[in-house]
Protein backbone atom coordinates (compact mmCIF):
# COMPACT_ATOMS: atom_id res chain seq x y z
CA MET A 1 -15.73 32.80 -21.52
CA TYR A 2 -12.33 32.07 -21.12
CA ALA A 3 -9.33 34.10 -22.82
CA ILE A 4 -6.61 31.43 -23.16
CA LEU A 5 -3.34 33.16 -23.94
CA ASP A 6 0.48 32.71 -24.10
CA ILE A 7 3.10 35.59 -24.69
CA GLU A 8 6.58 35.35 -25.76
CA THR A 9 8.99 38.11 -24.36
CA THR A 10 12.61 39.82 -24.83
CA GLY A 11 13.73 38.28 -21.37
CA GLY A 12 15.57 40.72 -18.96
CA GLN A 13 15.03 42.05 -15.44
CA TYR A 14 12.04 41.37 -13.63
CA ASN A 15 9.06 43.90 -14.76
CA GLU A 16 11.30 45.12 -17.61
CA GLU A 17 10.41 42.38 -20.16
CA GLY A 18 8.85 43.50 -23.48
CA ILE A 19 6.42 41.40 -25.25
CA THR A 20 7.54 39.96 -28.65
CA GLU A 21 4.35 37.78 -29.48
CA ILE A 22 0.94 37.50 -28.19
CA ALA A 23 -1.70 34.68 -28.92
CA ILE A 24 -5.07 34.72 -27.35
CA TYR A 25 -7.79 32.11 -27.88
CA LYS A 26 -11.35 32.73 -26.91
CA PHE A 27 -12.85 29.99 -25.67
CA ASP A 28 -16.51 29.10 -24.41
CA GLY A 29 -15.42 26.08 -22.54
CA HIS A 30 -16.39 23.87 -25.65
CA GLU A 31 -14.54 25.46 -28.53
CA VAL A 32 -12.64 28.47 -29.64
CA VAL A 33 -15.05 31.35 -30.88
CA ASP A 34 -12.56 33.96 -31.65
CA GLN A 35 -8.68 34.62 -31.61
CA PHE A 36 -5.88 37.11 -31.92
CA ILE A 37 -2.28 36.50 -32.53
CA SER A 38 0.47 38.93 -33.49
CA LEU A 39 4.06 39.85 -33.30
CA VAL A 40 4.84 42.68 -31.13
CA ASN A 41 7.52 45.32 -31.44
CA PRO A 42 8.88 45.54 -27.97
CA GLU A 43 11.17 48.68 -28.59
CA LYS A 44 14.07 46.91 -26.62
CA PRO A 45 16.47 44.20 -27.54
CA ILE A 46 15.81 40.70 -27.29
CA GLN A 47 18.21 38.34 -24.96
CA PRO A 48 20.28 36.30 -27.18
CA PHE A 49 18.88 33.05 -25.13
CA VAL A 50 15.37 34.00 -25.98
CA VAL A 51 16.19 34.25 -29.83
CA LYS A 52 17.82 31.03 -29.81
CA LEU A 53 14.69 29.58 -27.74
CA THR A 54 11.79 31.37 -29.88
CA GLY A 55 13.39 32.05 -33.20
CA ILE A 56 12.08 35.61 -32.90
CA ASN A 57 14.67 38.19 -33.48
CA SER A 58 14.91 42.27 -33.84
CA ALA A 59 14.82 42.01 -37.51
CA MET A 60 11.39 40.05 -37.53
CA LEU A 61 9.73 42.89 -35.06
CA ARG A 62 10.80 46.08 -36.89
CA SER A 63 7.59 46.21 -38.86
CA ALA A 64 5.17 44.46 -36.14
CA PRO A 65 2.57 46.58 -34.25
CA LYS A 66 3.90 48.13 -30.99
CA PHE A 67 1.95 47.14 -27.59
CA TYR A 68 -0.10 50.42 -27.73
CA GLU A 69 -1.60 49.43 -31.01
CA VAL A 70 -2.74 46.03 -30.08
CA ALA A 71 -3.80 47.13 -26.64
CA LYS A 72 -7.52 47.72 -27.75
CA ARG A 73 -7.81 44.48 -29.41
CA ILE A 74 -6.69 42.64 -26.66
CA ILE A 75 -9.04 44.53 -24.18
CA GLU A 76 -11.86 43.88 -26.68
CA ILE A 77 -11.14 39.91 -27.03
CA THR A 78 -10.80 39.31 -23.14
CA GLU A 79 -13.76 41.36 -22.33
CA GLY A 80 -15.82 39.53 -19.84
CA CYS A 81 -13.46 36.50 -19.70
CA VAL A 82 -11.25 34.75 -17.13
CA VAL A 83 -7.84 34.76 -18.20
CA VAL A 84 -6.09 31.21 -18.65
CA ALA A 85 -2.60 30.58 -19.01
CA HIS A 86 0.10 28.07 -18.19
CA ASN A 87 2.20 29.87 -15.36
CA ALA A 88 -0.82 32.42 -15.56
CA SER A 89 1.22 34.80 -12.98
CA PHE A 90 3.96 35.46 -15.49
CA ASP A 91 2.01 36.04 -18.40
CA TYR A 92 -0.72 38.05 -16.60
CA ARG A 93 2.15 39.99 -14.72
CA VAL A 94 3.68 41.23 -18.03
CA ILE A 95 0.69 42.08 -19.75
CA ARG A 96 -0.79 44.19 -16.94
CA THR A 97 2.93 45.79 -16.75
CA GLU A 98 2.51 46.94 -20.36
CA PHE A 99 -1.09 48.38 -19.88
CA LYS A 100 0.27 50.20 -16.87
CA ARG A 101 2.93 51.98 -19.03
CA LEU A 102 -0.02 53.12 -20.86
CA GLY A 103 -1.90 54.35 -17.98
CA TYR A 104 -4.49 51.69 -17.92
CA ASP A 105 -5.55 49.39 -15.19
CA TYR A 106 -6.06 45.87 -16.72
CA ASN A 107 -7.53 43.70 -14.15
CA LYS A 108 -9.18 40.25 -14.75
CA PRO A 109 -9.71 36.92 -12.92
CA THR A 110 -7.17 34.41 -13.86
CA LEU A 111 -6.56 30.42 -13.75
CA CYS A 112 -3.40 28.70 -13.99
CA THR A 113 -3.30 25.64 -15.81
CA VAL A 114 -0.12 24.29 -13.99
CA GLU A 115 -1.83 24.50 -10.55
CA LEU A 116 -5.20 23.08 -11.98
CA ALA A 117 -3.05 20.25 -13.48
CA LYS A 118 -1.19 19.60 -10.24
CA LYS A 119 -4.41 19.26 -8.60
CA LEU A 120 -6.46 17.32 -11.10
CA ILE A 121 -3.63 15.29 -12.88
CA PRO A 122 -1.25 14.49 -10.02
CA GLU A 123 2.08 12.55 -9.93
CA GLN A 124 3.22 13.80 -13.28
CA LYS A 125 7.00 13.88 -13.97
CA SER A 126 7.04 17.31 -15.00
CA TYR A 127 4.36 20.35 -15.32
CA SER A 128 6.23 22.30 -17.82
CA LEU A 129 3.99 22.76 -20.65
CA GLY A 130 5.96 20.65 -23.21
CA LYS A 131 6.66 17.89 -21.15
CA LEU A 132 3.11 17.59 -19.61
CA VAL A 133 0.95 17.55 -22.86
CA ARG A 134 3.47 15.33 -24.44
CA GLY A 135 2.86 12.98 -21.61
CA LEU A 136 -0.70 13.51 -22.05
CA GLY A 137 -0.45 12.64 -25.75
CA ILE A 138 -1.85 16.16 -26.56
CA PRO A 139 0.08 17.09 -29.89
CA ILE A 140 1.74 20.72 -29.97
CA ALA A 141 3.10 22.62 -32.67
CA ASP A 142 5.50 25.38 -32.85
CA ARG A 143 6.70 25.27 -29.50
CA HIS A 144 7.86 28.45 -27.71
CA ARG A 145 5.79 30.37 -30.17
CA ALA A 146 2.87 32.12 -28.81
CA SER A 147 0.00 30.66 -31.07
CA GLY A 148 1.30 26.99 -30.61
CA ASP A 149 1.84 27.17 -26.85
CA ALA A 150 -1.55 28.75 -26.47
CA MET A 151 -3.29 26.18 -28.52
CA ALA A 152 -1.58 23.53 -26.52
CA THR A 153 -3.04 25.03 -23.55
CA VAL A 154 -6.67 25.54 -24.79
CA LYS A 155 -6.43 21.56 -25.46
CA LEU A 156 -4.93 20.87 -21.76
CA PHE A 157 -7.48 23.21 -20.30
CA LYS A 158 -10.37 21.26 -22.14
CA LEU A 159 -9.05 18.01 -20.88
CA LEU A 160 -8.75 19.65 -17.01
CA LEU A 161 -12.48 20.83 -17.39
CA SER A 162 -13.38 16.93 -18.09
CA LYS A 163 -11.12 16.06 -15.12
CA ASP A 164 -12.81 18.40 -12.66
CA LYS A 165 -15.67 16.31 -11.29
CA GLU A 166 -16.49 18.62 -8.42
CA LYS A 167 -16.92 21.30 -11.04
CA GLU A 168 -14.83 23.67 -9.08
CA ILE A 169 -13.81 25.38 -12.19
CA VAL A 170 -17.19 25.95 -13.43
CA LYS A 171 -18.64 26.97 -10.20
CA SER A 172 -16.08 29.71 -10.02
CA PHE A 173 -16.81 31.17 -13.48
CA VAL A 174 -20.49 31.28 -12.61
CA LYS A 175 -19.74 33.29 -9.58
CA THR A 176 -17.69 35.76 -12.01
CA GLU A 177 -20.75 36.09 -13.98
CA VAL A 178 -22.92 36.73 -10.79
CA LYS A 179 -20.58 39.47 -9.71
CA SER A 180 -20.83 41.16 -12.97
CA GLY A 181 -24.50 41.63 -12.37
CA MET A 182 -25.84 39.22 -15.25
CA SER A 183 -29.34 38.61 -15.07
CA PRO A 184 -30.54 35.28 -16.34
CA LYS A 185 -33.45 34.67 -18.78
CA LEU A 186 -34.72 31.11 -19.15
CA LEU A 187 -35.15 31.60 -22.99
CA ASP A 188 -31.74 33.01 -23.24
CA ILE A 189 -30.41 30.30 -21.33
CA VAL A 190 -31.91 27.36 -23.64
CA GLU A 191 -30.80 29.48 -26.58
CA ASN A 192 -27.33 29.23 -25.85
CA LEU A 193 -27.43 25.27 -25.29
CA PRO A 194 -26.56 22.74 -27.95
CA SER A 195 -28.82 20.31 -29.45
CA LYS A 196 -26.24 17.65 -28.91
CA THR A 197 -25.70 14.62 -26.58
CA GLY A 198 -23.77 15.17 -23.14
CA ILE A 199 -24.45 16.39 -19.76
CA TYR A 200 -25.72 19.56 -18.31
CA TYR A 201 -25.63 21.07 -14.77
CA ILE A 202 -28.31 23.59 -13.63
CA HIS A 203 -26.54 26.20 -11.21
CA ASN A 204 -28.02 28.66 -8.47
CA GLU A 205 -27.13 32.24 -7.91
CA GLU A 206 -24.17 30.88 -5.54
CA GLY A 207 -22.55 28.77 -8.50
CA ASP A 208 -23.87 25.57 -6.94
CA VAL A 209 -24.96 22.74 -8.93
CA ILE A 210 -28.63 21.95 -8.17
CA TYR A 211 -29.37 19.58 -10.90
CA ILE A 212 -27.46 17.43 -13.24
CA GLY A 213 -28.76 15.39 -15.97
CA LYS A 214 -28.01 14.00 -19.46
CA SER A 215 -29.57 13.78 -22.76
CA LYS A 216 -29.12 13.12 -26.24
CA ASN A 217 -30.44 16.63 -27.01
CA ILE A 218 -29.32 18.67 -24.09
CA LYS A 219 -31.44 21.85 -25.44
CA LYS A 220 -34.72 20.05 -25.87
CA ARG A 221 -34.21 18.42 -22.39
CA VAL A 222 -33.37 21.78 -20.41
CA ASN A 223 -36.36 23.41 -22.15
CA GLN A 224 -38.35 20.64 -20.85
CA HIS A 225 -37.32 21.55 -17.30
CA PHE A 226 -38.16 25.26 -17.81
CA THR A 227 -41.50 24.58 -19.13
CA GLY A 228 -42.68 21.74 -17.48
CA SER A 229 -45.26 22.06 -14.45
CA SER A 230 -44.31 19.51 -11.91
CA ASN A 231 -42.92 20.39 -8.38
CA LYS A 232 -39.27 19.61 -9.38
CA SER A 233 -39.56 21.75 -12.73
CA LYS A 234 -41.25 24.77 -10.97
CA LYS A 235 -38.25 24.57 -8.21
CA ILE A 236 -35.58 24.54 -10.97
CA GLN A 237 -37.36 27.39 -12.77
CA ARG A 238 -37.40 29.49 -9.72
CA ASP A 239 -33.81 28.77 -8.63
CA VAL A 240 -31.86 28.33 -11.88
CA TYR A 241 -29.26 31.15 -12.52
CA ALA A 242 -26.98 29.45 -15.17
CA VAL A 243 -26.86 26.35 -17.15
CA THR A 244 -23.38 25.00 -18.02
CA TYR A 245 -22.72 21.66 -20.03
CA GLU A 246 -20.43 19.17 -21.55
CA GLU A 247 -20.78 17.72 -24.86
CA THR A 248 -19.71 13.99 -24.65
CA GLY A 249 -20.87 12.57 -28.03
CA SER A 250 -21.13 9.44 -26.48
CA GLU A 251 -24.26 8.61 -24.81
CA LEU A 252 -22.25 5.90 -22.46
CA ILE A 253 -20.03 8.65 -21.30
CA ALA A 254 -22.88 10.93 -20.41
CA LEU A 255 -24.82 8.06 -18.68
CA LEU A 256 -21.75 7.22 -16.66
CA LYS A 257 -20.71 11.12 -15.81
CA GLU A 258 -24.41 11.53 -14.69
CA SER A 259 -24.39 8.59 -12.34
CA GLU A 260 -21.07 9.56 -10.69
CA GLU A 261 -21.15 13.44 -10.73
CA ILE A 262 -24.67 13.05 -8.97
CA LYS A 263 -23.12 11.05 -6.01
CA ILE A 264 -20.06 13.55 -5.96
CA ASN A 265 -21.89 16.95 -6.21
CA LYS A 266 -25.28 15.69 -4.52
CA PRO A 267 -27.48 18.33 -6.25
CA ILE A 268 -30.56 19.26 -4.23
CA TYR A 269 -33.02 18.15 -7.04
CA ASN A 270 -31.37 14.76 -7.86
CA ARG A 271 -32.13 13.16 -4.39
CA ALA A 272 -33.33 9.91 -5.85
CA GLN A 273 -30.62 9.38 -7.91
CA ARG A 274 -27.88 10.14 -5.18
CA ARG A 275 -28.39 6.37 -4.11
CA THR A 276 -27.78 3.59 -6.51
CA ILE A 277 -30.56 3.25 -9.13
CA PHE A 278 -30.19 -0.36 -9.35
CA GLN A 279 -31.65 -1.89 -6.27
CA TRP A 280 -32.19 -5.57 -7.44
CA ALA A 281 -29.33 -7.85 -8.83
CA LEU A 282 -28.71 -11.27 -10.39
CA TYR A 283 -26.75 -13.81 -8.47
CA GLN A 284 -25.75 -17.34 -8.92
CA GLU A 285 -26.05 -19.99 -6.08
CA LYS A 286 -25.56 -23.70 -6.18
CA THR A 287 -28.52 -25.99 -5.37
CA GLU A 288 -28.31 -29.00 -3.13
CA LYS A 289 -28.13 -31.23 -6.18
CA GLY A 290 -25.22 -29.14 -7.35
CA TYR A 291 -27.07 -26.98 -10.34
CA LEU A 292 -26.15 -23.25 -10.67
CA ALA A 293 -29.32 -21.54 -10.23
CA LEU A 294 -29.67 -17.78 -11.51
CA LYS A 295 -31.72 -15.91 -8.95
CA VAL A 296 -32.82 -12.39 -9.13
CA GLN A 297 -32.82 -10.92 -5.60
CA LYS A 298 -32.51 -7.71 -3.38
CA ALA A 299 -29.08 -6.19 -4.17
CA ASP A 300 -26.56 -7.08 -1.35
CA GLY A 301 -23.07 -5.46 -1.56
CA ARG A 302 -21.48 -8.14 0.42
CA LYS A 303 -22.31 -10.74 -2.48
CA LYS A 304 -20.81 -10.95 -5.89
CA GLU A 305 -23.64 -9.90 -8.54
CA ILE A 306 -23.60 -10.90 -12.17
CA THR A 307 -25.87 -7.62 -13.27
CA SER A 308 -28.37 -5.31 -11.67
CA PHE A 309 -31.65 -3.92 -12.37
CA SER A 310 -33.61 -0.71 -11.37
CA THR A 311 -36.61 -3.20 -10.51
CA GLN A 312 -37.74 -6.58 -9.74
CA ALA A 313 -39.97 -6.79 -12.74
CA GLU A 314 -36.99 -5.63 -14.87
CA GLY A 315 -34.82 -8.40 -13.44
CA LYS A 316 -37.60 -10.96 -13.93
CA ALA A 317 -38.05 -10.24 -17.47
CA PHE A 318 -34.25 -10.42 -18.27
CA LEU A 319 -33.97 -13.77 -16.36
CA PHE A 320 -36.74 -15.22 -18.41
CA LYS A 321 -34.85 -14.36 -21.73
CA VAL A 322 -31.85 -15.73 -20.37
CA THR A 323 -33.27 -19.11 -19.53
CA GLU A 324 -34.72 -19.24 -23.06
CA LYS A 325 -31.42 -18.50 -24.82
CA TYR A 326 -29.24 -20.58 -23.07
CA ASN A 327 -31.89 -23.41 -22.61
CA LEU A 328 -31.87 -23.12 -18.76
CA CYS A 329 -34.46 -24.22 -16.42
CA GLN A 330 -37.26 -21.94 -15.05
CA LYS A 331 -37.68 -23.99 -12.16
CA ILE A 332 -34.17 -23.88 -10.82
CA ASN A 333 -34.12 -20.14 -11.66
CA GLY A 334 -37.12 -19.46 -9.61
CA LEU A 335 -39.53 -18.55 -12.47
CA TYR A 336 -41.72 -21.59 -12.38
CA ASP A 337 -43.12 -22.85 -9.08
CA THR A 338 -43.77 -26.64 -9.49
CA LYS A 339 -42.97 -29.87 -8.12
CA LYS A 340 -42.85 -31.71 -11.53
CA SER A 341 -40.91 -30.59 -14.48
CA CYS A 342 -41.01 -26.70 -15.76
CA PHE A 343 -42.73 -25.09 -18.70
CA GLN A 344 -39.64 -24.96 -20.69
CA TYR A 345 -39.07 -28.85 -20.31
CA ASP A 346 -42.50 -29.31 -21.62
CA ILE A 347 -41.94 -27.09 -25.00
CA LYS A 348 -38.52 -28.99 -25.17
CA GLN A 349 -36.31 -25.94 -24.42
CA CYS A 350 -34.92 -27.26 -20.93
CA TYR A 351 -33.14 -30.38 -21.09
CA GLY A 352 -34.54 -31.77 -17.81
CA ALA A 353 -32.45 -30.57 -15.05
CA CYS A 354 -35.64 -29.78 -13.32
CA ILE A 355 -36.49 -33.63 -12.92
CA ASP A 356 -32.84 -34.61 -12.72
CA LYS A 357 -32.66 -35.72 -16.20
CA GLU A 358 -29.65 -33.56 -17.18
CA GLN A 359 -26.38 -33.77 -15.23
CA PRO A 360 -25.48 -30.81 -13.20
CA GLU A 361 -22.12 -30.63 -14.91
CA LEU A 362 -23.70 -30.38 -18.26
CA TYR A 363 -26.24 -27.80 -17.24
CA ASN A 364 -23.45 -25.62 -15.54
CA ILE A 365 -21.64 -25.33 -18.63
CA ARG A 366 -24.49 -23.43 -20.16
CA VAL A 367 -24.77 -21.24 -16.90
CA ASN A 368 -20.98 -20.44 -17.07
CA GLU A 369 -21.22 -19.56 -20.65
CA TYR A 370 -24.00 -16.86 -19.80
CA ILE A 371 -21.77 -15.33 -17.00
CA LYS A 372 -18.42 -15.36 -19.29
CA GLU A 373 -20.29 -13.77 -22.11
CA ASN A 374 -22.11 -11.08 -20.05
CA SER A 375 -19.59 -9.81 -17.74
CA PHE A 376 -16.31 -8.04 -18.04
CA GLN A 377 -14.67 -9.58 -14.80
CA ASN A 378 -10.92 -9.78 -15.22
CA ASN A 379 -11.03 -8.17 -18.52
CA ASN A 380 -8.71 -5.70 -19.86
CA MET A 381 -10.25 -3.51 -22.70
CA VAL A 382 -10.98 -0.13 -24.14
CA ILE A 383 -14.59 0.45 -25.11
CA VAL A 384 -14.50 2.91 -28.35
CA ASP A 385 -17.33 4.84 -29.14
CA LYS A 386 -18.48 8.33 -30.63
CA GLY A 387 -16.43 11.52 -29.79
CA ARG A 388 -17.69 15.02 -29.67
CA THR A 389 -16.80 15.81 -33.43
CA ILE A 390 -16.26 13.92 -36.36
CA GLU A 391 -12.64 13.57 -36.16
CA GLU A 392 -12.58 12.58 -32.24
CA LYS A 393 -13.53 9.29 -30.67
CA SER A 394 -14.03 8.06 -27.05
CA ALA A 395 -12.45 5.53 -24.83
CA ILE A 396 -13.71 3.79 -21.88
CA LEU A 397 -11.14 1.84 -20.07
CA VAL A 398 -11.72 -1.60 -18.20
CA GLU A 399 -8.60 -2.90 -16.38
CA ASN A 400 -8.85 -6.49 -14.84
CA GLY A 401 -12.63 -6.28 -14.99
CA ILE A 402 -12.83 -2.69 -13.23
CA TYR A 403 -13.95 0.37 -14.85
CA LYS A 404 -11.07 3.09 -14.60
CA GLY A 405 -12.59 5.99 -16.60
CA TYR A 406 -13.01 7.63 -20.21
CA CYS A 407 -11.02 10.08 -22.22
CA PHE A 408 -11.58 11.68 -25.85
CA TYR A 409 -8.77 11.20 -28.50
CA ASP A 410 -7.88 11.89 -31.89
CA LEU A 411 -4.93 9.85 -32.32
CA ASN A 412 -4.59 6.19 -32.60
CA TYR A 413 -1.56 6.10 -30.57
CA GLN A 414 -3.35 7.80 -27.66
CA ILE A 415 -5.18 4.48 -26.87
CA THR A 416 -2.77 2.03 -28.45
CA ASN A 417 -0.07 3.22 -25.92
CA ILE A 418 -1.62 2.40 -22.42
CA ASP A 419 0.55 4.60 -20.45
CA ILE A 420 -0.65 7.82 -22.48
CA LEU A 421 -4.03 6.31 -22.34
CA LYS A 422 -3.87 6.19 -18.65
CA ASN A 423 -2.66 9.91 -18.54
CA LEU A 424 -5.60 10.97 -20.53
CA ILE A 425 -8.37 9.05 -18.76
CA ILE A 426 -10.71 11.08 -16.53
CA PRO A 427 -10.62 8.62 -13.30
CA MET A 428 -13.84 7.45 -11.93
CA GLN A 429 -15.60 4.97 -9.53
CA HIS A 430 -16.39 1.34 -10.20
CA ASN A 431 -19.70 0.53 -8.34
CA ARG A 432 -22.60 -1.48 -9.32
CA ASP A 433 -24.46 1.49 -10.99
CA ILE A 434 -21.54 1.87 -13.34
CA LYS A 435 -21.12 -1.73 -14.04
CA THR A 436 -24.61 -2.20 -15.21
CA ILE A 437 -24.61 0.81 -17.48
CA ILE A 438 -21.79 -0.31 -19.09
CA GLN A 439 -23.23 -3.91 -19.52
CA SER A 440 -26.51 -2.66 -20.61
CA TYR A 441 -25.02 -0.14 -22.94
CA MET A 442 -22.79 -3.12 -24.85
CA LYS A 443 -25.90 -5.05 -25.11
CA LYS A 444 -28.02 -2.34 -26.99
CA HIS A 445 -25.21 -0.64 -29.05
CA LYS A 446 -22.72 -1.72 -31.22
CA VAL A 447 -19.19 -0.66 -30.14
CA LYS A 448 -15.77 -1.56 -30.92
CA VAL A 449 -13.78 -3.40 -28.09
CA VAL A 450 -10.03 -3.25 -28.22
CA SER A 451 -8.59 -5.70 -25.64
CA PHE A 452 -5.13 -5.26 -24.24
């Protein structure tokens, strides 16, 4: 759990500030599960510039509770939590000082969204909360009031969690739980997982990720690991300490994240998936007579592929369908070994390229038509898919034919403004696996595509 908070103060000399307002949102990494918002009577005057900035004046605070009256609620809502704030050193220091005055040692692990943003969203013009969230297209209300700033920090932190591909934030959180002496039970772990689409991370006692998977039903899939009898399942059952997850809503984003994050984190029980899972590819080559042939071959990174496949059989089956759909020649495509006409010609679905009856120029038009329709080479597009909630959608960015990454959004201007979209995007690598995952998904599912 994370306690994401913001405070407003009276201003004044170091360690003499008093709290005038506090907002705390208890966040489980996915949604807010509890909150506490209150004005606080600081029992001291407020600096004039602070009144102008926040709109909070002494008259508003006369009937507000004093800090000792809200101290118990602050302890309760932050119990077992990592404290998160924008410029955490300030907020945490002021709160600790207030507790010290009451004779209580308030001690919590902290995370600062300024420092995290500098690491995960580099090259921003400013890391002040207002300018940063505006640049990311995150809406903010009641600026310089505790509740508005704390809620903006929640949304920012959620974005930072998504951008943390090495899972450093989550690993440190799991280690904190280990120190607190929590002992995991498989049934309890499964009980706390959602029956939703997303990606899950199985951690050992050190917090390290030992397995990454994706599923349309995270709870069901993890339960299969915990009840399975295979060697891998038994090892996972033996080593698991915690399971964290990210809901994606979109199955496409879950597939993309699984592929990339396995290669980045190299979990010990994902050995087979660390390498490319698409070992075969479809290439075009020109025959001696000038026909463009489509051939399924062992993947070769030095050659430009059209699409790729997990197995040769899958590639051959796909090529048979393409050959039939575009009235191509089985003989030219290496699917029918004969010195005469191909089978497609015999049933009048090939126009005779196999026996030089059709001119190469006419034949190649159909080959190029297939290539154009089935690749996003040099395309600039945003693929719009489901989000994590009804109000939210996801966006996958392809620029100049290269996959750039994905994001979630709930306001249309966040994807129609390309500069804001690029700030929101969680950057990811473009490779053969990723390209094939996107192409395959677009063939099987209806998705909205926005060109730019």
